[in-house]
């Protein structure tokens, strides 16, 4: 009888540790997903800003080239 209760106690501890590890893993995974979403939003905003800057440079370059050919 005593060996059975010790065995059940050990099994209970092992199952408890596994459940705790699973919960910890889930929390870390959720945290990584949140960080990834925030990073994707930041990258998207930076990409739009960079595209606008490149468009401004292209417009200025085209305007400068048009002005040079008109004066020649």
PDB file of N, CA and C in Angstrom:
ATOM      1  N   UNK A   1       0.815  -1.195   0.000  1.00  0.00           N
ATOM      2  CA  UNK A   1       0.000   0.000   0.000  1.00  0.00           C
ATOM      3  C   UNK A   1       0.863   1.264   0.000  1.00  0.00           C
ATOM      4  N   UNK A   2       1.903   1.265   0.824  1.00  0.00           N
ATOM      5  CA  UNK A   2       2.765   2.435   0.916  1.00  0.00           C
ATOM      6  C   UNK A   2       3.541   2.658  -0.385  1.00  0.00           C
ATOM      7  N   UNK A   3       3.973   1.577  -1.042  1.00  0.00           N
ATOM      8  CA  UNK A   3       4.701   1.712  -2.301  1.00  0.00           C
ATOM      9  C   UNK A   3       3.798   2.308  -3.379  1.00  0.00           C
ATOM     10  N   UNK A   4       2.513   1.933  -3.346  1.00  0.00           N
ATOM     11  CA  UNK A   4       1.571   2.472  -4.334  1.00  0.00           C
ATOM     12  C   UNK A   4       1.389   3.970  -4.155  1.00  0.00           C
ATOM     13  N   UNK A   5       1.266   4.415  -2.919  1.00  0.00           N
ATOM     14  CA  UNK A   5       1.058   5.846  -2.671  1.00  0.00           C
ATOM     15  C   UNK A   5       2.324   6.638  -3.015  1.00  0.00           C
ATOM     16  N   UNK A   6       3.497   6.074  -2.760  1.00  0.00           N
ATOM     17  CA  UNK A   6       4.737   6.750  -3.149  1.00  0.00           C
ATOM     18  C   UNK A   6       4.843   6.856  -4.659  1.00  0.00           C
ATOM     19  N   UNK A   7       4.465   5.793  -5.345  1.00  0.00           N
ATOM     20  CA  UNK A   7       4.498   5.783  -6.805  1.00  0.00           C
ATOM     21  C   UNK A   7       3.540   6.837  -7.362  1.00  0.00           C
ATOM     22  N   UNK A   8       2.342   6.923  -6.800  1.00  0.00           N
ATOM     23  CA  UNK A   8       1.362   7.906  -7.260  1.00  0.00           C
ATOM     24  C   UNK A   8       1.855   9.329  -6.968  1.00  0.00           C
ATOM     25  N   UNK A   9       2.519   9.510  -5.849  1.00  0.00           N
ATOM     26  CA  UNK A   9       3.071  10.820  -5.507  1.00  0.00           C
ATOM     27  C   UNK A   9       4.131  11.235  -6.529  1.00  0.00           C
ATOM     28  N   UNK A  10       5.005  10.318  -6.883  1.00  0.00           N
ATOM     29  CA  UNK A  10       6.042  10.608  -7.874  1.00  0.00           C
ATOM     30  C   UNK A  10       5.413  10.918  -9.228  1.00  0.00           C
ATOM     31  N   UNK A  11       4.422  10.131  -9.632  1.00  0.00           N
ATOM     32  CA  UNK A  11       3.731  10.387 -10.905  1.00  0.00           C
ATOM     33  C   UNK A  11       3.054  11.757 -10.864  1.00  0.00           C
ATOM     34  N   UNK A  12       2.439  12.101  -9.752  1.00  0.00           N
ATOM     35  CA  UNK A  12       1.788  13.408  -9.615  1.00  0.00           C
ATOM     36  C   UNK A  12       2.779  14.553  -9.719  1.00  0.00           C
ATOM     37  N   UNK A  13       3.931  14.391  -9.107  1.00  0.00           N
ATOM     38  CA  UNK A  13       4.961  15.444  -9.179  1.00  0.00           C
ATOM     39  C   UNK A  13       5.454  15.596 -10.611  1.00  0.00           C
ATOM     40  N   UNK A  14       5.689  14.480 -11.281  1.00  0.00           N
ATOM     41  CA  UNK A  14       6.167  14.537 -12.668  1.00  0.00           C
ATOM     42  C   UNK A  14       5.136  15.209 -13.564  1.00  0.00           C
ATOM     43  N   UNK A  15       3.868  14.834 -13.412  1.00  0.00           N
ATOM     44  CA  UNK A  15       2.811  15.448 -14.224  1.00  0.00           C
ATOM     45  C   UNK A  15       2.705  16.942 -13.911  1.00  0.00           C
ATOM     46  N   UNK A  16       2.824  17.307 -12.636  1.00  0.00           N
ATOM     47  CA  UNK A  16       2.779  18.720 -12.259  1.00  0.00           C
ATOM     48  C   UNK A  16       3.901  19.527 -12.884  1.00  0.00           C
ATOM     49  N   UNK A  17       5.100  18.958 -12.886  1.00  0.00           N
ATOM     50  CA  UNK A  17       6.249  19.640 -13.495  1.00  0.00           C
ATOM     51  C   UNK A  17       6.020  19.801 -14.997  1.00  0.00           C
ATOM     52  N   UNK A  18       5.506  18.773 -15.642  1.00  0.00           N
ATOM     53  CA  UNK A  18       5.238  18.866 -17.082  1.00  0.00           C
ATOM     54  C   UNK A  18       4.186  19.922 -17.395  1.00  0.00           C
ATOM     55  N   UNK A  19       3.159  20.004 -16.575  1.00  0.00           N
ATOM     56  CA  UNK A  19       2.124  21.027 -16.779  1.00  0.00           C
ATOM     57  C   UNK A  19       2.721  22.415 -16.594  1.00  0.00           C
ATOM     58  N   UNK A  20       3.562  22.599 -15.575  1.00  0.00           N
ATOM     59  CA  UNK A  20       4.198  23.895 -15.353  1.00  0.00           C
ATOM     60  C   UNK A  20       5.097  24.285 -16.531  1.00  0.00           C
ATOM     61  N   UNK A  21       5.840  23.315 -17.053  1.00  0.00           N
ATOM     62  CA  UNK A  21       6.694  23.596 -18.209  1.00  0.00           C
ATOM     63  C   UNK A  21       5.858  23.972 -19.426  1.00  0.00           C
ATOM     64  N   UNK A  22       4.746  23.294 -19.627  1.00  0.00           N
ATOM     65  CA  UNK A  22       3.872  23.598 -20.758  1.00  0.00           C
ATOM     66  C   UNK A  22       3.302  25.005 -20.641  1.00  0.00           C
ATOM     67  N   UNK A  23       2.852  25.373 -19.446  1.00  0.00           N
ATOM     68  CA  UNK A  23       2.304  26.719 -19.240  1.00  0.00           C
ATOM     69  C   UNK A  23       3.383  27.772 -19.478  1.00  0.00           C
ATOM     70  N   UNK A  24       4.588  27.525 -18.978  1.00  0.00           N
ATOM     71  CA  UNK A  24       5.694  28.465 -19.185  1.00  0.00           C
ATOM     72  C   UNK A  24       6.007  28.618 -20.671  1.00  0.00           C
ATOM     73  N   UNK A  25       6.013  27.506 -21.395  1.00  0.00           N
ATOM     74  CA  UNK A  25       6.274  27.562 -22.824  1.00  0.00           C
ATOM     75  C   UNK A  25       5.194  28.352 -23.549  1.00  0.00           C
ATOM     76  N   UNK A  26       3.941  28.148 -23.172  1.00  0.00           N
ATOM     77  CA  UNK A  26       2.833  28.877 -23.807  1.00  0.00           C
ATOM     78  C   UNK A  26       2.962  30.378 -23.570  1.00  0.00           C
ATOM     79  N   UNK A  27       3.332  30.766 -22.351  1.00  0.00           N
ATOM     80  CA  UNK A  27       3.492  32.190 -22.047  1.00  0.00           C
ATOM     81  C   UNK A  27       4.632  32.806 -22.855  1.00  0.00           C
ATOM     82  N   UNK A  28       5.732  32.088 -22.986  1.00  0.00           N
ATOM     83  CA  UNK A  28       6.853  32.594 -23.780  1.00  0.00           C
ATOM     84  C   UNK A  28       6.473  32.695 -25.246  1.00  0.00           C
ATOM     85  N   UNK A  29       5.732  31.724 -25.736  1.00  0.00           N
ATOM     86  CA  UNK A  29       5.304  31.749 -27.132  1.00  0.00           C
ATOM     87  C   UNK A  29       4.373  32.929 -27.402  1.00  0.00           C
ATOM     88  N   UNK A  30       3.473  33.196 -26.477  1.00  0.00           N
ATOM     89  CA  UNK A  30       2.573  34.346 -26.614  1.00  0.00           C
ATOM     90  C   UNK A  30       3.363  35.643 -26.621  1.00  0.00           C
ATOM     91  N   UNK A  31       4.373  35.731 -25.763  1.00  0.00           N
ATOM     92  CA  UNK A  31       5.209  36.928 -25.699  1.00  0.00           C
ATOM     93  C   UNK A  31       5.964  37.140 -27.014  1.00  0.00           C
ATOM     94  N   UNK A  32       6.483  36.066 -27.580  1.00  0.00           N
ATOM     95  CA  UNK A  32       7.202  36.162 -28.854  1.00  0.00           C
ATOM     96  C   UNK A  32       6.251  36.586 -29.970  1.00  0.00           C
ATOM     97  N   UNK A  33       5.025  36.074 -29.961  1.00  0.00           N
ATOM     98  CA  UNK A  33       4.056  36.451 -30.984  1.00  0.00           C
ATOM     99  C   UNK A  33       3.722  37.933 -30.902  1.00  0.00           C
ATOM    100  N   UNK A  34       3.587  38.448 -29.683  1.00  0.00           N
ATOM    101  CA  UNK A  34       3.307  39.885 -29.518  1.00  0.00           C
ATOM    102  C   UNK A  34       4.474  40.726 -30.025  1.00  0.00           C
ATOM    103  N   UNK A  35       5.689  40.315 -29.691  1.00  0.00           N
ATOM    104  CA  UNK A  35       6.864  41.065 -30.156  1.00  0.00           C
ATOM    105  C   UNK A  35       6.981  41.020 -31.671  1.00  0.00           C
ATOM    106  N   UNK A  36       6.673  39.871 -32.262  1.00  0.00           N
ATOM    107  CA  UNK A  36       6.735  39.743 -33.711  1.00  0.00           C
ATOM    108  C   UNK A  36       5.711  40.652 -34.379  1.00  0.00           C
ATOM    109  N   UNK A  37       4.508  40.713 -33.834  1.00  0.00           N
ATOM    110  CA  UNK A  37       3.475  41.588 -34.392  1.00  0.00           C
ATOM    111  C   UNK A  37       3.900  43.050 -34.310  1.00  0.00           C
ATOM    112  N   UNK A  38       4.481  43.448 -33.180  1.00  0.00           N
ATOM    113  CA  UNK A  38       4.953  44.824 -33.038  1.00  0.00           C
ATOM    114  C   UNK A  38       6.080  45.122 -34.011  1.00  0.00           C
ATOM    115  N   UNK A  39       6.970  44.166 -34.208  1.00  0.00           N
ATOM    116  CA  UNK A  39       8.072  44.343 -35.147  1.00  0.00           C
ATOM    117  C   UNK A  39       7.550  44.460 -36.584  1.00  0.00           C
ATOM    118  N   UNK A  40       6.549  43.661 -36.933  1.00  0.00           N
ATOM    119  CA  UNK A  40       5.973  43.740 -38.278  1.00  0.00           C
ATOM    120  C   UNK A  40       5.340  45.102 -38.524  1.00  0.00           C
ATOM    121  N   UNK A  41       4.653  45.648 -37.519  1.00  0.00           N
ATOM    122  CA  UNK A  41       4.050  46.974 -37.664  1.00  0.00           C
ATOM    123  C   UNK A  41       5.123  48.035 -37.842  1.00  0.00           C
ATOM    124  N   UNK A  42       6.189  47.950 -37.088  1.00  0.00           N
ATOM    125  CA  UNK A  42       7.277  48.919 -37.195  1.00  0.00           C
ATOM    126  C   UNK A  42       7.938  48.851 -38.562  1.00  0.00           C
ATOM    127  N   UNK A  43       8.183  47.639 -39.042  1.00  0.00           N
ATOM    128  CA  UNK A  43       8.809  47.468 -40.351  1.00  0.00           C
ATOM    129  C   UNK A  43       7.900  48.016 -41.443  1.00  0.00           C
ATOM    130  N   UNK A  44       6.613  47.778 -41.332  1.00  0.00           N
ATOM    131  CA  UNK A  44       5.669  48.282 -42.327  1.00  0.00           C
ATOM    132  C   UNK A  44       5.681  49.811 -42.364  1.00  0.00           C
ATOM    133  N   UNK A  45       5.662  50.436 -41.182  1.00  0.00           N
ATOM    134  CA  UNK A  45       5.707  51.898 -41.124  1.00  0.00           C
ATOM    135  C   UNK A  45       7.004  52.446 -41.697  1.00  0.00           C
ATOM    136  N   UNK A  46       8.124  51.798 -41.375  1.00  0.00           N
ATOM    137  CA  UNK A  46       9.411  52.255 -41.902  1.00  0.00           C
ATOM    138  C   UNK A  46       9.493  52.075 -43.412  1.00  0.00           C
ATOM    139  N   UNK A  47       8.901  51.007 -43.920  1.00  0.00           N
ATOM    140  CA  UNK A  47       8.903  50.772 -45.369  1.00  0.00           C
ATOM    141  C   UNK A  47       8.121  51.858 -46.088  1.00  0.00           C
ATOM    142  N   UNK A  48       6.975  52.238 -45.537  1.00  0.00           N
ATOM    143  CA  UNK A  48       6.177  53.305 -46.151  1.00  0.00           C
ATOM    144  C   UNK A  48       6.929  54.630 -46.128  1.00  0.00           C
ATOM    145  N   UNK A  49       7.569  54.932 -45.009  1.00  0.00           N
ATOM    146  CA  UNK A  49       8.331  56.181 -44.905  1.00  0.00           C
ATOM    147  C   UNK A  49       9.486  56.193 -45.893  1.00  0.00           C
ATOM    148  N   UNK A  50      10.187  55.083 -45.993  1.00  0.00           N
ATOM    149  CA  UNK A  50      11.308  55.000 -46.921  1.00  0.00           C
ATOM    150  C   UNK A  50      10.834  55.138 -48.371  1.00  0.00           C
ATOM    151  N   UNK A  51       9.703  54.553 -48.700  1.00  0.00           N
ATOM    152  CA  UNK A  51       9.150  54.679 -50.054  1.00  0.00           C
ATOM    153  C   UNK A  51       8.822  56.135 -50.364  1.00  0.00           C
ATOM    154  N   UNK A  52       8.266  56.835 -49.389  1.00  0.00           N
ATOM    155  CA  UNK A  52       7.959  58.255 -49.603  1.00  0.00           C
ATOM    156  C   UNK A  52       9.233  59.064 -49.821  1.00  0.00           C
ATOM    157  N   UNK A  53      10.272  58.778 -49.065  1.00  0.00           N
ATOM    158  CA  UNK A  53      11.541  59.501 -49.225  1.00  0.00           C
ATOM    159  C   UNK A  53      12.139  59.231 -50.602  1.00  0.00           C
ATOM    160  N   UNK A  54      12.112  57.971 -51.032  1.00  0.00           N
ATOM    161  CA  UNK A  54      12.648  57.634 -52.356  1.00  0.00           C
ATOM    162  C   UNK A  54      11.849  58.331 -53.445  1.00  0.00           C
ATOM    163  N   UNK A  55      10.528  58.391 -53.303  1.00  0.00           N
ATOM    164  CA  UNK A  55       9.699  59.081 -54.293  1.00  0.00           C
ATOM    165  C   UNK A  55      10.039  60.563 -54.361  1.00  0.00           C
ATOM    166  N   UNK A  56      10.289  61.179 -53.216  1.00  0.00           N
ATOM    167  CA  UNK A  56      10.655  62.605 -53.201  1.00  0.00           C
ATOM    168  C   UNK A  56      11.985  62.802 -53.917  1.00  0.00           C
ATOM    169  N   UNK A  57      12.971  61.942 -53.643  1.00  0.00           N
ATOM    170  CA  UNK A  57      14.260  62.048 -54.335  1.00  0.00           C
ATOM    171  C   UNK A  57      14.101  61.866 -55.834  1.00  0.00           C
ATOM    172  N   UNK A  58      13.272  60.886 -56.230  1.00  0.00           N
ATOM    173  CA  UNK A  58      13.063  60.655 -57.659  1.00  0.00           C
ATOM    174  C   UNK A  58      12.404  61.855 -58.326  1.00  0.00           C
ATOM    175  N   UNK A  59      11.433  62.458 -57.664  1.00  0.00           N
ATOM    176  CA  UNK A  59      10.769  63.637 -58.234  1.00  0.00           C
ATOM    177  C   UNK A  59      11.749  64.803 -58.360  1.00  0.00           C
ATOM    178  N   UNK A  60      12.591  64.981 -57.346  1.00  0.00           N
ATOM    179  CA  UNK A  60      13.570  66.071 -57.395  1.00  0.00           C
ATOM    180  C   UNK A  60      14.607  65.812 -58.485  1.00  0.00           C
ATOM    181  N   UNK A  61      15.008  64.562 -58.628  1.00  0.00           N
ATOM    182  CA  UNK A  61      15.990  64.234 -59.666  1.00  0.00           C
ATOM    183  C   UNK A  61      15.398  64.449 -61.052  1.00  0.00           C
ATOM    184  N   UNK A  62      14.155  64.071 -61.236  1.00  0.00           N
ATOM    185  CA  UNK A  62      13.502  64.271 -62.543  1.00  0.00           C
ATOM    186  C   UNK A  62      13.310  65.757 -62.823  1.00  0.00           C
ATOM    187  N   UNK A  63      12.985  66.519 -61.801  1.00  0.00           N
ATOM    188  CA  UNK A  63      12.819  67.975 -61.963  1.00  0.00           C
ATOM    189  C   UNK A  63      14.151  68.627 -62.321  1.00  0.00           C
ATOM    190  N   UNK A  64      15.227  68.177 -61.701  1.00  0.00           N
ATOM    191  CA  UNK A  64      16.543  68.741 -61.983  1.00  0.00           C
ATOM    192  C   UNK A  64      16.971  68.393 -63.390  1.00  0.00           C
ATOM    193  N   UNK A  65      16.718  67.185 -63.835  1.00  0.00           N
ATOM    194  CA  UNK A  65      17.100  66.785 -65.193  1.00  0.00           C
ATOM    195  C   UNK A  65      16.279  67.545 -66.220  1.00  0.00           C
ATOM    196  N   UNK A  66      15.006  67.745 -65.941  1.00  0.00           N
ATOM    197  CA  UNK A  66      14.141  68.500 -66.857  1.00  0.00           C
ATOM    198  C   UNK A  66      14.586  69.953 -66.963  1.00  0.00           C
ATOM    199  N   UNK A  67      14.996  70.540 -65.867  1.00  0.00           N
ATOM    200  CA  UNK A  67      15.454  71.934 -65.853  1.00  0.00           C
ATOM    201  C   UNK A  67      16.757  72.103 -66.599  1.00  0.00           C
ATOM    202  N   UNK A  68      17.673  71.145 -66.527  1.00  0.00           N
ATOM    203  CA  UNK A  68      18.958  71.241 -67.218  1.00  0.00           C
ATOM    204  C   UNK A  68      18.779  71.150 -68.719  1.00  0.00           C
ATOM    205  N   UNK A  69      17.887  70.287 -69.162  1.00  0.00           N
ATOM    206  CA  UNK A  69      17.709  70.141 -70.611  1.00  0.00           C
ATOM    207  C   UNK A  69      16.984  71.341 -71.191  1.00  0.00           C
ATOM    208  N   UNK A  70      16.172  72.011 -70.389  1.00  0.00           N
ATOM    209  CA  UNK A  70      15.459  73.182 -70.899  1.00  0.00           C
ATOM    210  C   UNK A  70      16.399  74.363 -71.082  1.00  0.00           C
ATOM    211  N   UNK A  71      17.437  74.465 -70.257  1.00  0.00           N
ATOM    212  CA  UNK A  71      18.338  75.616 -70.341  1.00  0.00           C
ATOM    213  C   UNK A  71      19.383  75.422 -71.432  1.00  0.00           C
ATOM    214  N   UNK A  72      19.593  74.186 -71.866  1.00  0.00           N
ATOM    215  CA  UNK A  72      20.636  73.965 -72.878  1.00  0.00           C
ATOM    216  C   UNK A  72      20.186  74.332 -74.255  1.00  0.00           C
TER     217      UNK A  72
END
